[in-house]
Amino acid sequence: MGQKVNPHGARVGVIKDWSAKWYATKKDFSNNLVEDHALRKMLKEKLFAAGISHIDIERASNKVTVNIYTAKPGIVIGRGGAGAEALKKEIEAFTGKAVSLNILEIKQPEADAQLVAEKVAQSLEKRVSFRRAMKQNIGFAMRSGAKGIKMQVSGRLGGA
């Protein structure tokens, strides 16, 4: 097999933006990178039910801004904003810096690639037929206004 390059790198600056925006010296770079990865992983696991598409992190000298793009912002925010405050405190404890938390809604979750992929994976975990799960989600995406969709699943499918 040939060498594969993630297509996100070719799209940055054209149709996609950086998922992290900060400048760092050589000594801070690796720490910030590892912290960003761990923060994304923690938030993705904690808020999986909310349908997290992606998380953008911006850093200033002593402030971290976290933008969470979600299909269900009500789950993240919680009753009266209690969930958002608890999450903000947890992130502050995790990073040790002041945190500004922005929760942004995705208007068309059926057309978001990450959310569609997670939905298909959940269907497969519930032992739904893989062809049915794929066709259903492709139909939802196309009806929601996507110009096209390409989907590929692999592994032990259909009881093979």
Protein backbone atom coordinates (compact mmCIF):
# COMPACT_ATOMS: atom_id res chain seq x y z
CA MET A 1 0.00 0.00 0.00
CA GLY A 2 1.11 3.53 -0.69
CA GLN A 3 1.60 6.28 1.83
CA LYS A 4 -1.65 7.88 2.85
CA VAL A 5 -1.90 11.56 3.77
CA ASN A 6 -4.85 12.90 5.74
CA PRO A 7 -6.84 15.16 3.36
CA HIS A 8 -7.56 17.64 6.18
CA GLY A 9 -4.03 19.03 5.74
CA ALA A 10 -4.71 19.94 2.11
CA ARG A 11 -8.01 21.64 3.00
CA VAL A 12 -6.74 23.84 5.85
CA GLY A 13 -6.86 27.46 4.78
CA VAL A 14 -9.09 26.70 1.79
CA ILE A 15 -12.37 25.22 3.05
CA LYS A 16 -11.40 24.31 6.64
CA ASP A 17 -9.76 26.21 9.45
CA TRP A 18 -7.22 25.13 12.06
CA SER A 19 -8.70 23.19 14.97
CA ALA A 20 -6.23 24.85 17.37
CA LYS A 21 -5.16 28.47 17.24
CA TRP A 22 -2.16 29.44 19.34
CA TYR A 23 1.49 30.35 19.21
CA ALA A 24 4.07 28.71 21.45
CA THR A 25 7.77 28.63 22.12
CA LYS A 26 9.68 25.38 21.68
CA LYS A 27 9.32 24.48 25.36
CA ASP A 28 5.53 25.11 25.40
CA PHE A 29 4.64 23.55 22.05
CA SER A 30 4.70 19.89 23.04
CA ASN A 31 2.87 20.54 26.32
CA ASN A 32 0.13 22.51 24.55
CA LEU A 33 -0.22 19.86 21.85
CA VAL A 34 -0.55 17.00 24.35
CA GLU A 35 -2.93 19.04 26.51
CA ASP A 36 -5.13 19.86 23.49
CA HIS A 37 -5.32 16.19 22.52
CA ALA A 38 -6.14 15.07 26.06
CA LEU A 39 -8.74 17.85 26.44
CA ARG A 40 -10.46 16.87 23.18
CA LYS A 41 -10.46 13.20 24.17
CA MET A 42 -11.89 13.96 27.62
CA LEU A 43 -14.64 16.22 26.23
CA LYS A 44 -15.53 13.76 23.45
CA GLU A 45 -15.93 10.90 25.95
CA LYS A 46 -17.81 12.98 28.51
CA LEU A 47 -20.21 14.57 25.98
CA PHE A 48 -20.63 11.69 23.52
CA ALA A 49 -24.45 11.72 23.89
CA ALA A 50 -24.54 15.39 22.85
CA GLY A 51 -23.22 14.63 19.34
CA ILE A 52 -19.92 16.52 19.38
CA SER A 53 -18.75 17.23 15.83
CA HIS A 54 -15.47 19.00 16.58
CA ILE A 55 -13.75 21.06 19.23
CA ASP A 56 -11.69 24.19 18.51
CA ILE A 57 -9.15 25.43 21.04
CA GLU A 58 -7.67 28.94 21.11
CA ARG A 59 -4.97 29.95 23.56
CA ALA A 60 -3.73 33.32 24.77
CA SER A 61 -0.97 33.71 27.35
CA ASN A 62 -3.07 32.61 30.33
CA LYS A 63 -6.53 32.06 28.83
CA VAL A 64 -7.99 29.12 26.92
CA THR A 65 -11.08 29.45 24.72
CA VAL A 66 -12.86 26.19 23.92
CA ASN A 67 -15.49 26.11 21.16
CA ILE A 68 -17.63 22.97 21.20
CA TYR A 69 -19.70 22.31 18.07
CA THR A 70 -22.59 20.05 19.02
CA ALA A 71 -25.83 18.75 17.56
CA LYS A 72 -27.59 18.87 20.95
CA PRO A 73 -26.45 21.95 22.88
CA GLY A 74 -29.13 21.45 25.54
CA ILE A 75 -27.37 18.33 26.81
CA VAL A 76 -24.05 20.20 27.14
CA ILE A 77 -25.53 23.35 28.72
CA GLY A 78 -27.81 21.48 31.12
CA ARG A 79 -30.68 22.84 33.18
CA GLY A 80 -30.16 26.57 33.76
CA GLY A 81 -26.58 26.44 32.49
CA ALA A 82 -25.43 24.18 35.33
CA GLY A 83 -23.81 21.68 32.96
CA ALA A 84 -21.83 24.36 31.18
CA GLU A 85 -20.56 25.83 34.47
CA ALA A 86 -19.53 22.40 35.75
CA LEU A 87 -17.77 21.67 32.46
CA LYS A 88 -15.98 25.04 32.59
CA LYS A 89 -14.72 24.32 36.12
CA GLU A 90 -13.55 20.86 35.05
CA ILE A 91 -11.62 22.29 32.09
CA GLU A 92 -10.07 24.98 34.31
CA ALA A 93 -8.90 22.28 36.73
CA PHE A 94 -7.56 20.25 33.80
CA THR A 95 -5.61 23.09 32.17
CA GLY A 96 -4.83 25.27 35.17
CA LYS A 97 -5.77 28.41 33.21
CA ALA A 98 -8.81 30.66 32.87
CA VAL A 99 -11.30 29.12 30.48
CA SER A 100 -13.90 30.66 28.18
CA LEU A 101 -16.39 28.04 26.98
CA ASN A 102 -18.52 28.52 23.85
CA ILE A 103 -21.15 25.94 22.95
CA LEU A 104 -22.22 26.27 19.32
CA GLU A 105 -25.10 24.41 17.67
CA ILE A 106 -24.78 22.55 14.38
CA LYS A 107 -27.86 23.45 12.35
CA GLN A 108 -27.83 20.33 10.13
CA PRO A 109 -26.33 17.39 12.05
CA GLU A 110 -27.42 14.95 9.30
CA ALA A 111 -25.00 16.67 6.90
CA ASP A 112 -21.99 16.63 9.28
CA ALA A 113 -19.53 13.86 8.35
CA GLN A 114 -18.34 13.13 11.90
CA LEU A 115 -21.87 12.84 13.27
CA VAL A 116 -23.03 10.64 10.37
CA ALA A 117 -20.05 8.31 10.93
CA GLU A 118 -20.77 8.07 14.66
CA LYS A 119 -24.44 7.36 13.95
CA VAL A 120 -23.53 4.49 11.60
CA ALA A 121 -21.10 3.11 14.19
CA GLN A 122 -23.80 3.23 16.88
CA SER A 123 -26.19 1.41 14.55
CA LEU A 124 -23.60 -1.30 13.93
CA GLU A 125 -23.03 -1.66 17.69
CA LYS A 126 -26.79 -2.19 18.06
CA ARG A 127 -26.44 -5.02 15.50
CA VAL A 128 -28.44 -3.30 12.75
CA SER A 129 -27.70 -4.58 9.23
CA PHE A 130 -24.72 -2.63 7.88
CA ARG A 131 -26.32 -2.07 4.47
CA ARG A 132 -29.47 -0.74 6.09
CA ALA A 133 -27.51 1.54 8.46
CA MET A 134 -25.44 2.96 5.60
CA LYS A 135 -28.34 3.47 3.19
CA GLN A 136 -30.49 5.07 5.89
CA ASN A 137 -27.82 7.57 6.88
CA ILE A 138 -26.92 8.33 3.27
CA GLY A 139 -30.60 9.08 2.63
CA PHE A 140 -30.81 11.36 5.69
CA ALA A 141 -27.69 13.25 4.59
CA MET A 142 -28.88 13.72 1.02
CA ARG A 143 -32.33 14.89 2.15
CA SER A 144 -30.77 17.41 4.54
CA GLY A 145 -29.03 19.15 1.65
CA ALA A 146 -25.65 17.43 1.25
CA LYS A 147 -24.34 17.58 -2.31
CA GLY A 148 -22.95 14.07 -2.03
CA ILE A 149 -21.78 11.45 0.42
CA LYS A 150 -19.27 8.62 0.25
CA MET A 151 -19.29 6.00 2.95
CA GLN A 152 -17.10 2.96 3.54
CA VAL A 153 -17.32 0.47 6.40
CA SER A 154 -15.00 -2.46 6.94
CA GLY A 155 -14.35 -5.25 9.36
CA ARG A 156 -16.46 -8.24 10.31
CA LEU A 157 -19.83 -7.24 8.90
CA GLY A 158 -22.95 -9.32 8.43
CA GLY A 159 -21.76 -12.07 10.79
CA ALA A 160 -18.79 -12.98 8.59
